[in-house]
Protein backbone atom coordinates (compact mmCIF):
# COMPACT_ATOMS: atom_id res chain seq x y z
CA MET A 1 155.56 57.71 172.40
CA LYS A 2 158.17 60.01 170.91
CA LEU A 3 158.88 63.58 171.96
CA GLU A 4 159.91 66.21 169.46
CA LEU A 5 160.18 69.99 169.39
CA GLU A 6 157.83 71.99 167.21
CA ARG A 7 159.50 72.74 163.91
CA ASP A 8 161.17 76.04 163.02
CA LEU A 9 161.39 77.29 166.61
CA ILE A 10 165.14 76.64 166.66
CA SER A 11 167.41 76.69 163.62
CA SER A 12 168.09 73.23 162.23
CA ASP A 13 171.86 73.72 162.60
CA LEU A 14 171.56 74.57 166.29
CA MET A 15 169.09 71.71 166.83
CA LYS A 16 171.64 69.27 165.43
CA GLU A 17 174.66 70.78 167.18
CA LEU A 18 173.06 70.81 170.64
CA CYS A 19 171.40 67.41 169.98
CA PHE A 20 167.93 68.28 171.25
CA GLU A 21 166.48 65.17 169.57
CA GLU A 22 169.02 62.89 171.24
CA PHE A 23 168.13 64.33 174.66
CA LEU A 24 164.39 63.96 174.04
CA GLU A 25 164.97 60.38 172.87
CA LYS A 26 165.74 59.53 176.51
CA PHE A 27 162.04 60.14 177.22
CA SER A 28 160.74 57.77 174.53
CA GLU A 29 158.49 55.04 175.89
CA HIS A 30 155.83 52.69 174.56
CA LEU A 31 152.77 54.53 175.88
CA PRO A 32 150.01 54.40 173.21
CA ILE A 33 147.80 56.80 175.17
CA LEU A 34 150.35 59.59 174.61
CA ASP A 35 150.79 59.05 170.86
CA ASN A 36 153.65 61.28 169.65
CA ARG A 37 153.89 64.58 171.50
CA VAL A 38 155.10 67.82 169.97
CA LEU A 39 156.63 70.12 172.57
CA ARG A 40 155.67 73.77 172.19
CA PRO A 41 156.49 76.80 174.35
CA PHE A 42 153.79 77.59 176.89
CA ALA A 43 151.34 80.33 175.97
CA ASN A 44 152.48 82.45 178.91
CA ALA A 45 154.72 82.34 181.97
CA ASP A 46 151.86 81.56 184.39
CA GLU A 47 150.94 78.43 182.42
CA GLY A 48 154.56 77.28 182.37
CA MET A 49 155.09 77.86 186.08
CA GLN A 50 151.84 76.05 186.94
CA HIS A 51 153.05 73.08 184.89
CA PHE A 52 156.26 72.82 186.90
CA GLU A 53 154.47 73.52 190.18
CA HIS A 54 152.19 70.52 189.56
CA LEU A 55 155.13 68.32 188.57
CA SER A 56 157.12 69.29 191.64
CA MET A 57 154.13 68.69 193.93
CA LEU A 58 153.45 65.27 192.39
CA ASP A 59 157.13 64.33 192.52
CA ASN A 60 157.41 65.29 196.19
CA TYR A 61 154.13 63.53 197.00
CA LEU A 62 155.46 60.28 195.53
CA LEU A 63 158.90 60.75 197.06
CA GLU A 64 157.57 61.32 200.57
CA ARG A 65 155.70 58.02 200.34
CA GLN A 66 158.71 56.22 198.78
CA ILE A 67 156.55 55.14 195.87
CA SER A 68 157.99 53.68 192.68
CA LEU A 69 156.33 54.53 189.40
CA VAL A 70 157.31 51.22 187.82
CA LYS A 71 153.94 49.50 188.32
CA ILE A 72 151.84 52.51 187.33
CA LEU A 73 153.88 53.05 184.16
CA ALA A 74 153.70 49.32 183.37
CA LEU A 75 149.90 49.49 183.56
CA SER A 76 149.87 52.75 181.60
CA LYS A 77 151.64 51.00 178.73
CA LEU A 78 148.52 48.83 178.36
CA LEU A 79 146.21 51.84 177.96
CA PRO A 80 145.14 52.03 174.29
CA SER A 81 144.90 55.30 172.44
CA LEU A 82 141.30 56.52 172.16
CA THR A 83 142.02 59.06 169.42
CA VAL A 84 140.12 57.13 166.73
CA VAL A 85 137.29 56.39 169.19
CA LEU A 86 136.82 60.06 170.08
CA LEU A 87 136.90 61.01 166.39
CA ALA A 88 134.29 58.36 165.54
CA ASN A 89 132.12 59.57 168.39
CA GLN A 90 131.95 63.06 166.87
CA GLN A 91 129.84 61.53 164.08
CA ALA A 92 128.07 59.14 166.51
CA ASN A 93 129.56 56.40 164.38
CA LEU A 94 131.16 54.00 166.82
CA HIS A 95 131.65 50.50 165.45
CA LEU A 96 132.20 47.30 167.39
CA HIS A 97 136.01 47.58 167.30
CA HIS A 98 135.75 51.11 168.74
CA LEU A 99 133.62 49.83 171.62
CA HIS A 100 136.05 46.97 172.26
CA LEU A 101 138.93 49.47 172.38
CA LEU A 102 136.96 51.63 174.82
CA ALA A 103 136.15 48.62 177.00
CA ASN A 104 139.85 47.68 177.16
CA PHE A 105 140.73 51.25 178.10
CA ILE A 106 138.17 51.28 180.92
CA ILE A 107 139.34 47.92 182.31
CA THR A 108 143.03 48.90 182.35
CA ASN A 109 142.27 52.41 183.58
CA SER A 110 140.30 51.05 186.53
CA GLU A 111 143.41 49.07 187.53
CA ILE A 112 145.52 52.23 187.35
CA GLU A 113 143.00 54.19 189.43
CA LYS A 114 142.94 51.37 191.95
CA GLN A 115 146.74 51.49 192.11
CA GLU A 116 146.62 55.26 192.59
CA ARG A 117 144.01 54.99 195.35
CA THR A 118 145.75 52.22 197.29
CA THR A 119 149.47 52.58 196.59
CA LEU A 120 149.37 56.36 196.64
CA ALA A 121 147.07 56.36 199.64
CA ILE A 122 144.77 59.05 198.31
CA PRO A 123 142.47 60.25 201.10
CA ASP A 124 138.79 60.93 200.51
CA GLY A 125 137.98 64.44 199.38
CA GLU A 126 140.19 66.98 197.72
CA SER A 127 143.11 68.74 199.37
CA GLU A 128 145.02 71.75 198.10
CA ASP A 129 148.35 70.45 199.38
CA ARG A 130 148.34 67.29 197.26
CA PRO A 131 148.13 66.65 193.51
CA HIS A 132 144.84 65.89 191.81
CA PHE A 133 144.36 62.39 190.43
CA PRO A 134 141.65 62.07 187.74
CA SER A 135 138.72 59.70 188.32
CA LEU A 136 136.57 58.27 185.51
CA ASN A 137 132.85 58.20 186.30
CA LEU A 138 131.22 55.38 184.32
CA GLU A 139 127.68 56.45 185.24
CA TRP A 140 125.67 59.27 183.70
CA SER A 141 122.15 60.58 183.27
CA GLY A 142 120.49 60.92 179.90
CA THR A 143 116.97 61.04 178.46
CA GLY A 144 115.59 61.20 181.97
CA LYS A 145 117.23 58.03 183.29
CA LYS A 146 120.53 56.88 184.71
CA ASN A 147 122.85 54.76 182.63
CA SER A 148 126.36 53.35 182.81
CA PHE A 149 128.95 51.77 180.59
CA ASN A 150 128.70 48.54 182.55
CA THR A 151 124.93 48.47 182.00
CA LEU A 152 125.37 48.89 178.25
CA GLN A 153 128.03 46.22 178.17
CA THR A 154 125.83 43.77 180.06
CA GLN A 155 122.86 44.57 177.84
CA TYR A 156 124.58 44.35 174.47
CA SER A 157 127.74 42.27 174.99
CA GLY A 158 129.12 39.66 177.31
CA ASP A 159 132.77 39.85 176.27
CA ASN A 160 133.90 43.51 176.50
CA PHE A 161 132.36 44.28 173.12
CA GLN A 162 134.38 41.75 171.21
CA SER A 163 130.95 40.82 169.86
CA LEU A 164 127.28 41.74 170.37
CA LYS A 165 124.69 39.55 171.98
CA LEU A 166 122.30 37.87 169.54
CA SER A 167 118.55 37.56 169.85
CA GLN A 168 116.93 34.15 169.28
CA GLU A 169 115.93 35.21 165.77
CA GLU A 170 119.51 36.33 165.02
CA GLU A 171 120.92 33.07 166.33
CA GLU A 172 118.57 31.17 164.03
CA LYS A 173 119.77 33.28 161.08
CA PHE A 174 123.38 32.53 162.02
CA GLU A 175 122.55 28.84 162.04
CA GLN A 176 121.01 29.25 158.58
CA ILE A 177 124.13 31.06 157.37
CA SER A 178 126.32 28.28 158.79
CA ALA A 179 124.19 25.60 157.09
CA ILE A 180 124.35 27.41 153.74
CA GLU A 181 128.13 27.79 154.05
CA GLN A 182 128.45 24.04 154.62
CA ARG A 183 126.31 23.32 151.55
CA LEU A 184 128.41 25.77 149.51
CA ASP A 185 131.68 24.20 150.64
CA LYS A 186 130.41 20.77 149.68
CA ALA A 187 129.07 21.94 146.30
CA ILE A 188 132.22 23.92 145.39
CA THR A 189 134.50 21.01 146.37
CA LYS A 190 132.47 18.72 144.09
CA LEU A 191 132.63 21.23 141.22
CA GLU A 192 136.41 21.69 141.61
CA GLN A 193 136.90 17.94 141.43
CA GLU A 194 134.75 17.77 138.27
CA ILE A 195 136.81 20.60 136.69
CA LEU A 196 140.02 18.74 137.56
CA ASN A 197 138.73 15.48 136.07
CA THR A 198 137.53 17.18 132.91
CA THR A 199 140.33 19.69 132.22
CA LYS A 200 143.17 18.50 134.50
CA ILE A 201 143.27 22.07 135.92
CA LYS A 202 143.13 22.57 139.69
CA MET A 203 140.98 25.49 140.87
CA VAL A 204 140.91 26.79 144.47
CA TYR A 205 137.90 28.90 145.47
CA PRO A 206 137.57 31.88 145.53
CA TYR A 207 140.60 32.63 143.37
CA PRO A 208 140.65 32.74 139.56
CA ARG A 209 143.46 30.97 137.72
CA GLU A 210 145.90 32.59 135.29
CA LEU A 211 147.41 30.73 132.34
CA SER A 212 150.53 32.51 131.14
CA ILE A 213 152.78 31.54 128.28
CA ILE A 214 155.69 33.01 130.26
CA ASP A 215 155.09 30.66 133.21
CA LEU A 216 154.10 27.56 131.26
CA GLY A 217 156.16 27.79 128.10
CA LYS A 218 154.68 27.99 124.63
CA ASP A 219 154.10 24.27 124.08
CA GLU A 220 152.45 23.57 127.45
CA PHE A 221 150.40 26.78 127.21
CA ASN A 222 149.00 25.83 123.78
CA LYS A 223 148.37 22.25 124.96
CA ILE A 224 146.24 23.41 127.93
CA ILE A 225 144.26 25.88 125.81
CA ARG A 226 143.42 23.17 123.28
CA ARG A 227 142.38 20.83 126.09
CA LEU A 228 140.06 23.46 127.57
CA ARG A 229 138.38 24.10 124.24
CA ASN A 230 137.95 20.39 123.51
CA SER A 231 136.60 19.56 126.99
CA LYS A 232 133.56 21.84 126.57
CA CYS A 233 133.54 22.22 130.38
CA ASN A 234 130.79 24.70 131.35
CA LEU A 235 131.94 25.04 134.99
CA ILE A 236 134.67 27.59 134.20
CA LYS A 237 134.73 30.83 132.24
CA ILE A 238 137.66 31.50 129.93
CA GLU A 239 138.66 35.12 129.34
CA LYS A 240 141.40 35.99 126.89
CA LYS A 241 143.40 38.89 128.27
CA SER A 242 146.03 38.71 125.53
CA PRO A 243 147.46 36.09 123.15
CA GLN A 244 149.89 35.12 125.92
CA LEU A 245 147.49 35.30 128.91
CA TYR A 246 144.14 33.67 129.75
CA LEU A 247 142.08 34.05 132.91
CA LEU A 248 139.96 31.15 134.23
CA ASP A 249 137.14 31.74 136.73
CA TYR A 250 134.23 29.81 138.19
CA ASN A 251 130.93 29.52 136.31
CA PHE A 252 128.62 28.27 139.04
CA PRO A 253 125.33 26.52 138.29
CA ARG A 254 122.08 28.28 139.21
CA LYS A 255 121.59 26.21 142.40
CA VAL A 256 124.97 27.30 143.74
CA ASN A 257 124.33 30.94 142.83
CA ASP A 258 120.99 30.75 144.67
CA LEU A 259 122.85 29.64 147.79
CA PHE A 260 125.16 32.67 147.50
CA VAL A 261 122.13 34.97 147.20
CA GLN A 262 120.52 33.44 150.28
CA LYS A 263 123.73 33.82 152.27
CA GLU A 264 124.18 37.47 151.26
CA ARG A 265 120.56 38.25 152.15
CA LEU A 266 120.94 36.77 155.63
CA ILE A 267 124.28 38.58 156.17
CA GLU A 268 122.70 41.88 155.12
CA GLU A 269 119.82 41.33 157.55
CA HIS A 270 122.37 40.69 160.31
CA ARG A 271 124.31 43.82 159.34
CA LEU A 272 121.17 45.95 159.56
CA ALA A 273 120.30 44.46 162.95
CA THR A 274 123.86 45.13 164.20
CA ASN A 275 123.77 48.72 162.95
CA LYS A 276 120.45 49.21 164.73
CA LYS A 277 122.03 48.06 168.01
CA LEU A 278 125.12 50.21 167.45
CA LYS A 279 122.89 53.20 166.82
CA LYS A 280 121.18 52.63 170.17
CA ILE A 281 124.55 52.25 171.89
CA ASN A 282 125.87 55.42 170.26
CA GLN A 283 122.76 57.29 171.37
CA ALA A 284 123.02 55.99 174.92
CA LEU A 285 126.70 56.99 175.14
CA LEU A 286 126.17 60.60 174.03
CA PRO A 287 125.93 62.05 177.58
CA PHE A 288 129.13 60.16 178.51
CA TRP A 289 131.46 61.64 175.90
CA ALA A 290 132.04 65.10 177.33
CA HIS A 291 133.21 63.60 180.63
CA LEU A 292 135.25 60.89 178.88
CA SER A 293 137.00 63.41 176.61
CA GLU A 294 137.90 65.62 179.56
CA TYR A 295 139.04 62.62 181.58
CA TYR A 296 141.10 61.25 178.70
CA ARG A 297 143.04 64.52 178.44
CA ALA A 298 143.61 64.47 182.21
CA ARG A 299 144.79 60.85 182.05
CA GLN A 300 147.13 61.72 179.19
CA ASN A 301 148.56 64.62 181.18
CA ILE A 302 149.16 62.69 184.39
CA THR A 303 150.65 59.75 182.44
CA PHE A 304 153.03 62.20 180.77
CA HIS A 305 153.86 63.65 184.18
CA TYR A 306 154.54 60.16 185.56
CA LEU A 307 156.95 59.64 182.66
CA LEU A 308 158.71 62.99 183.22
CA ILE A 309 159.11 62.27 186.94
CA ASP A 310 160.42 58.78 186.22
CA ARG A 311 163.03 60.09 183.76
CA LYS A 312 163.89 63.03 186.00
CA ARG A 313 164.82 60.55 188.75
CA ARG A 314 166.62 58.09 186.51
CA LEU A 315 168.66 60.74 184.69
CA ARG A 316 169.21 62.85 187.83
CA LEU A 317 167.57 65.95 186.43
CA VAL A 318 165.85 68.79 188.32
CA TRP A 319 162.77 70.96 188.06
CA PRO A 320 163.42 74.67 187.50
CA GLU A 321 162.56 77.06 190.32
CA PHE A 322 160.77 80.38 189.81
CA PRO A 323 161.22 83.03 192.50
CA GLU A 324 158.11 84.98 193.49
CA ILE A 325 160.41 87.89 194.21
CA PRO A 326 163.17 87.66 191.60
CA GLU A 327 166.42 86.49 193.09
CA ILE A 328 169.31 88.93 193.09
CA PRO A 329 172.68 87.16 192.55
CA ALA A 330 174.89 87.28 195.63
CA PHE A 331 177.34 89.93 194.42
CA SER A 332 177.52 93.20 196.28
CA GLU A 333 177.75 95.06 192.98
CA PHE A 334 174.21 93.99 192.01
CA PRO A 335 171.69 96.71 192.88
CA GLU A 336 168.56 95.59 194.70
CA PHE A 337 166.23 97.02 192.06
CA SER A 338 167.13 94.27 189.57
CA LYS A 339 163.86 92.45 188.87
CA CYS A 340 164.86 89.33 186.95
CA SER A 341 167.72 86.87 187.21
CA PHE A 342 169.16 83.55 186.12
CA THR A 343 171.08 81.11 188.31
CA VAL A 344 172.32 77.66 187.37
CA GLU A 345 174.48 75.29 189.39
CA GLU A 346 176.27 72.51 187.52
CA GLY A 347 174.24 72.98 184.37
CA THR A 348 175.07 70.37 181.75
CA LEU A 349 175.03 70.34 177.97
CA PRO A 350 174.45 66.57 177.54
CA ILE A 351 176.07 66.13 174.13
CA LEU A 352 179.25 67.94 175.30
CA ALA A 353 179.40 65.94 178.53
CA GLU A 354 179.02 62.70 176.56
CA THR A 355 181.67 63.72 174.01
CA LYS A 356 184.13 64.58 176.77
CA ARG A 357 183.41 61.31 178.53
CA ASN A 358 183.93 59.30 175.32
CA ASN A 359 187.25 61.10 174.79
CA ARG A 360 188.20 60.45 178.44
CA GLU A 361 188.38 64.18 179.09
CA ASP A 362 187.16 66.09 182.13
CA TYR A 363 183.88 67.95 181.77
CA ALA A 364 183.14 70.99 183.92
CA PRO A 365 179.41 71.84 184.20
CA LEU A 366 178.26 75.45 184.04
CA ASN A 367 177.93 77.58 187.17
CA LEU A 368 176.41 80.93 186.33
CA ARG A 369 174.52 83.75 188.05
CA LEU A 370 173.14 86.65 186.03
CA ALA A 371 170.96 89.62 186.90
CA GLY A 372 168.48 91.58 184.81
CA GLY A 373 170.07 94.16 182.51
CA ALA A 374 173.29 93.80 180.53
CA ASN A 375 175.79 91.08 181.43
CA LEU A 376 179.21 91.05 179.73
CA LEU A 377 181.42 87.95 179.57
CA PHE A 378 185.08 88.54 178.71
CA GLY A 379 187.59 85.77 178.15
CA ALA A 380 190.25 84.36 175.89
CA ASN A 381 189.61 82.16 172.90
CA LEU A 382 188.80 78.53 173.74
CA SER A 383 187.92 79.49 177.33
CA GLY A 384 184.30 78.31 176.93
CA LYS A 385 182.39 81.58 176.45
CA THR A 386 180.34 80.35 173.50
CA THR A 387 179.70 77.01 175.20
CA ALA A 388 178.35 78.89 178.22
CA LEU A 389 175.84 80.68 175.97
CA LYS A 390 174.82 77.45 174.24
CA THR A 391 174.41 75.61 177.55
CA MET A 392 172.25 78.42 178.95
CA PHE A 393 170.18 78.42 175.74
CA PHE A 394 169.70 74.63 175.87
CA LEU A 395 168.60 74.67 179.52
CA LEU A 396 166.18 77.57 179.07
CA TRP A 397 164.60 75.95 176.01
CA LEU A 398 163.84 72.88 178.08
CA VAL A 399 162.18 75.15 180.63
CA ARG A 400 160.12 76.81 177.89
CA VAL A 401 158.62 73.47 176.81
CA GLY A 402 158.16 71.97 180.29
CA MET A 403 161.00 69.45 180.57
CA PRO A 404 163.25 68.58 183.54
CA ILE A 405 166.70 70.13 183.47
CA PRO A 406 170.19 68.53 183.41
CA ALA A 407 171.60 70.55 186.31
CA LYS A 408 172.01 70.48 190.09
CA ARG A 409 169.80 73.56 190.38
CA LEU A 410 168.26 76.15 188.08
CA ARG A 411 166.47 79.20 189.44
CA ALA A 412 165.26 81.90 187.06
CA ASN A 413 162.35 83.95 185.85
CA PHE A 414 160.32 81.97 183.32
CA PRO A 415 161.70 82.60 179.79
CA SER A 416 158.79 84.12 177.86
CA TYR A 417 161.24 85.00 175.09
CA LEU A 418 164.57 83.32 174.37
CA ALA A 419 166.99 83.93 171.52
CA LEU A 420 170.63 83.14 170.80
CA HIS A 421 172.77 84.77 168.13
CA LEU A 422 176.02 83.13 167.08
CA LYS A 423 178.60 84.91 164.99
CA ASN A 424 178.24 83.98 161.30
CA SER A 425 179.38 85.14 157.87
CA GLY A 426 175.92 85.90 156.53
CA ASN A 427 173.43 84.07 154.36
CA VAL A 428 173.30 84.15 150.56
CA LYS A 429 169.63 83.08 150.49
CA THR A 430 168.42 85.89 152.75
CA GLY A 431 170.84 88.43 151.30
CA LEU A 432 172.03 89.39 154.79
CA SER A 433 175.66 89.86 155.73
CA GLY A 434 176.85 88.71 159.14
CA PHE A 435 176.55 92.32 160.39
CA SER A 436 173.02 92.75 158.96
CA ASP A 437 171.95 89.44 160.43
CA GLU A 438 173.14 90.51 163.87
CA LEU A 439 171.32 93.85 163.64
CA LYS A 440 168.11 92.10 162.56
CA PHE A 441 168.42 89.72 165.52
CA LEU A 442 168.84 92.63 167.96
CA CYS A 443 165.91 94.47 166.36
CA ASN A 444 163.69 91.48 167.09
CA GLY A 445 165.01 91.22 170.64
CA SER A 446 164.57 94.93 171.33
CA SER A 447 161.06 94.92 169.87
CA ASN A 448 160.05 91.94 171.99
CA ASN A 449 161.53 93.67 175.04
CA ASP A 450 159.38 96.77 174.40
CA HIS A 451 156.25 94.61 174.12
CA GLY A 452 157.14 92.83 177.36
CA LYS A 453 157.27 95.95 179.51
CA ASN A 454 154.76 95.96 182.37
CA SER A 455 153.51 92.51 181.27
CA GLY A 456 155.51 90.35 183.68
CA LYS A 457 157.38 88.70 180.81
CA THR A 458 161.09 87.99 181.02
CA ASN A 459 163.31 87.99 177.94
CA TYR A 460 166.64 86.23 177.60
CA ILE A 461 168.77 87.61 174.76
CA LEU A 462 172.12 85.89 174.26
CA VAL A 463 174.75 87.14 171.81
CA ASP A 464 178.13 85.64 171.06
CA GLU A 465 180.91 88.15 170.27
CA LEU A 466 178.72 91.24 170.12
CA PHE A 467 179.39 93.27 166.96
CA GLN A 468 182.52 91.40 165.99
CA THR A 469 180.84 91.29 162.55
CA THR A 470 182.01 94.83 161.67
CA ASN A 471 185.12 96.94 162.10
CA PRO A 472 186.46 97.36 165.68
CA ILE A 473 185.69 101.08 165.96
CA SER A 474 182.04 100.82 164.90
CA GLY A 475 181.64 97.50 166.68
CA GLU A 476 182.81 98.91 169.97
CA GLU A 477 180.56 101.99 169.69
CA LEU A 478 177.50 99.90 168.75
CA SER A 479 178.23 97.58 171.67
CA LYS A 480 178.20 100.52 174.06
CA ILE A 481 174.89 101.77 172.62
CA PHE A 482 173.19 98.40 173.12
CA VAL A 483 174.73 97.98 176.57
CA ASN A 484 173.27 101.39 177.42
CA TYR A 485 169.86 100.27 176.19
CA PHE A 486 169.71 96.87 177.85
CA SER A 487 171.25 98.06 181.11
CA ARG A 488 167.97 99.97 181.62
CA GLN A 489 165.83 96.84 181.06
CA SER A 490 166.61 95.03 184.31
CA THR A 491 162.92 94.47 185.03
CA THR A 492 162.26 92.60 181.77
CA THR A 493 165.50 91.34 180.20
CA VAL A 494 168.62 89.34 180.88
CA PHE A 495 170.99 90.44 178.11
CA PHE A 496 174.07 88.21 178.15
CA PHE A 497 176.84 88.68 175.61
CA THR A 498 180.49 87.81 175.06
CA THR A 499 183.09 90.19 173.69
CA HIS A 500 186.75 90.62 172.80
CA TYR A 501 186.56 94.43 173.08
CA PRO A 502 188.59 95.27 176.24
CA GLU A 503 187.36 98.89 176.23
CA LEU A 504 183.85 97.66 177.13
CA LEU A 505 185.23 96.55 180.50
CA LYS A 506 185.90 100.22 181.33
CA PHE A 507 182.55 101.42 179.96
CA THR A 508 179.99 102.96 182.29
CA PRO A 509 176.45 103.37 180.84
CA SER A 510 175.24 106.94 180.66
CA ASN A 511 173.30 107.95 183.76
CA ASN A 512 169.79 109.36 183.73
CA SER A 513 166.58 108.91 185.69
CA ASN A 514 166.40 105.19 184.80
CA ALA A 515 168.13 102.57 186.92
CA LEU A 516 171.20 100.98 185.38
CA ASP A 517 172.30 97.37 185.47
CA PHE A 518 175.57 96.42 183.76
CA PHE A 519 177.55 93.51 185.14
CA LEU A 520 180.98 92.20 184.15
CA PHE A 521 182.19 88.61 184.19
CA ARG A 522 185.37 86.82 183.34
CA MET A 523 185.61 83.17 182.26
CA LEU A 524 187.98 81.41 184.64
CA ASP A 525 190.46 78.89 183.34
CA ASN A 526 189.57 75.21 183.15
CA ASP A 527 186.58 75.14 185.51
CA TYR A 528 183.86 76.54 183.23
CA CYS A 529 182.88 79.05 185.90
CA LEU A 530 182.24 82.79 185.62
CA GLN A 531 183.72 85.27 188.03
CA ALA A 532 182.22 88.71 188.65
CA ILE A 533 184.84 91.42 188.08
CA ASP A 534 185.33 95.04 189.06
CA ASN A 535 186.11 97.49 186.23
CA LYS A 536 188.42 99.35 188.62
CA ASN A 537 190.75 96.34 188.80
CA LEU A 538 191.63 95.33 185.24
CA HIS A 539 195.37 94.70 185.52
CA TRP A 540 194.90 91.21 184.05
CA VAL A 541 193.26 92.40 180.81
CA GLU A 542 196.45 93.04 178.84
CA GLN A 543 197.76 89.56 179.45
CA GLU A 544 194.30 88.12 178.74
CA CYS A 545 194.24 89.87 175.36
CA LYS A 546 197.57 88.26 174.44
CA ARG A 547 196.41 84.74 175.29
CA PRO A 548 195.45 83.97 171.65
CA LEU A 549 199.17 84.30 170.82
CA ALA A 550 200.00 81.54 173.28
CA LEU A 551 197.06 79.43 172.05
CA ALA A 552 198.38 79.72 168.49
CA LEU A 553 201.53 77.86 169.55
CA ASP A 554 199.40 74.72 170.09
CA PHE A 555 198.86 74.45 166.33
CA ALA A 556 201.23 73.14 163.66
CA LEU A 557 202.21 76.54 162.24
CA PRO A 558 205.38 77.18 160.20
CA LYS A 559 208.53 77.40 162.32
CA GLU A 560 209.16 81.04 161.37
CA ILE A 561 205.70 82.02 162.61
CA ASN A 562 206.08 80.12 165.88
CA THR A 563 209.44 81.82 166.49
CA GLU A 564 207.94 85.28 165.92
CA ILE A 565 204.99 84.54 168.24
CA GLN A 566 207.37 83.38 170.98
CA ARG A 567 209.48 86.51 170.53
CA ILE A 568 206.43 88.76 170.94
CA LEU A 569 205.23 86.87 173.99
CA GLU A 570 208.64 87.25 175.62
CA GLN A 571 208.98 90.89 174.65
CA VAL A 572 205.43 92.16 175.33
CA LEU A 573 204.47 89.99 178.28
CA GLY A 574 207.90 89.43 179.77
CA GLN A 575 207.54 85.66 179.79
CA ALA A 576 209.78 82.89 178.61
CA PRO A 577 208.91 80.98 175.45
CA GLY A 578 206.35 78.29 176.20
CA GLN A 579 205.25 79.97 179.44
CA ALA A 580 201.46 80.62 179.62
CA PRO A 581 200.27 84.24 180.06
CA GLY A 582 199.97 85.12 183.69
CA GLN A 583 202.16 82.19 184.76
CA VAL A 584 204.90 83.13 187.24
């Protein structure tokens, strides 16, 4: 079983960069019943939350009883896929191999159900405070009488449908077929020996024999052809395919051909008798299929859930939490009318954590708390702003498709809509510049936000370096306009963006009858953590804006350029050459 995301939901470049496939590969397992599963976003938030509610309940149920999933998953690996069986049933055209596959499924499944009943200590009757475990009923009523799979198996087969029981007449026909085959073997062996004695050519039934001038050489080829013509052997047919190739085949006498005819007639009679039995079995199974199909889907789902729980424990992942009353981040600046939020503790971007580990570098997971409305993240280059957006995007996508999360905790409104825009230079194929592409992205996000009003949907719109794709004057003004817009959407949208425009830190959205939510954050040094900031205390901004000058000194620039950068740092910031901004 292999997991993969539905195509075209995420750009191929972002899929590769964030290594979604590599993360999903950790969930690969040989479970034929699951086939390959394509992960798609849930149809709505309720469906997604119910999925995680069931997983969490099942996980806790198993955990409370200190139950390992090893044995259940080991048995589940033996469950065959019934996809071809269910398809064949739609045409009431089950063959013997389909029935054998179904019998194997039922035998293994009964062992799994037994394990669930005993190991999981399932009490009689249903209870709302425990997960539901599917149960396959092998009895049904049809055509006015009760029937069961076991009854059919006993009636028509004694070996789990590896074969069908034979009547006395059919057994006699099989004996006749066996006797004819023995006579044919004896007759053909005698004929092959006669051909060898007459022509010195060895034939092996049922294969024809090729004589090729390429294989034999011209002299040997011509020698054999002359011998065949002179022998006048009537037990083989000679067909000239080309001057360089002849084909030899059997030319059986009438008595041998009569034996073949008898054998084929008996086999055809057996085939018709078998089809008649299969037709009766197909007819008897008709009332069983609706229940089996429903059960099979339930068994697939719970097997997938067992796998997710197993991997969640092994990889130390978590289930997302969804507040009934949206959580308001614990900052006094956040007004209580904010209706949606996002909180993650020690959220991990697996590919980045692995890269850091391989390079023997420290990796700091993401700690982030956002409220509905507009959320601004300000910070120097290389401080991790873009990585914060990508990590949040990665985690929320996993939530959208029902997967456990690489974090210590994630609590948020379910992401009905999720989009990330990264700064780019445009696309020649689409004819869009970087600026046009950003506007198109925000048009889609704004339109989706309007459709989500009063519907209970929550949108997450993430933008890296908002309107850095145009000139600073227009970019800053457009940023303020969109901050104004999204700051009024606290009930439906978490708008999270990064910027290098310091004036936005002093910006206050225009006030009207609508509530306003606009929150400011600063990326702290080295710990990949965001700090809420007050726009009345921005003394640090000037030094922060000069940090790129200090960062430039880490690169192998010409000496004259390095000297000028150091001079400016000393003059503007009052620091000695080589001293980091803000360092005393």
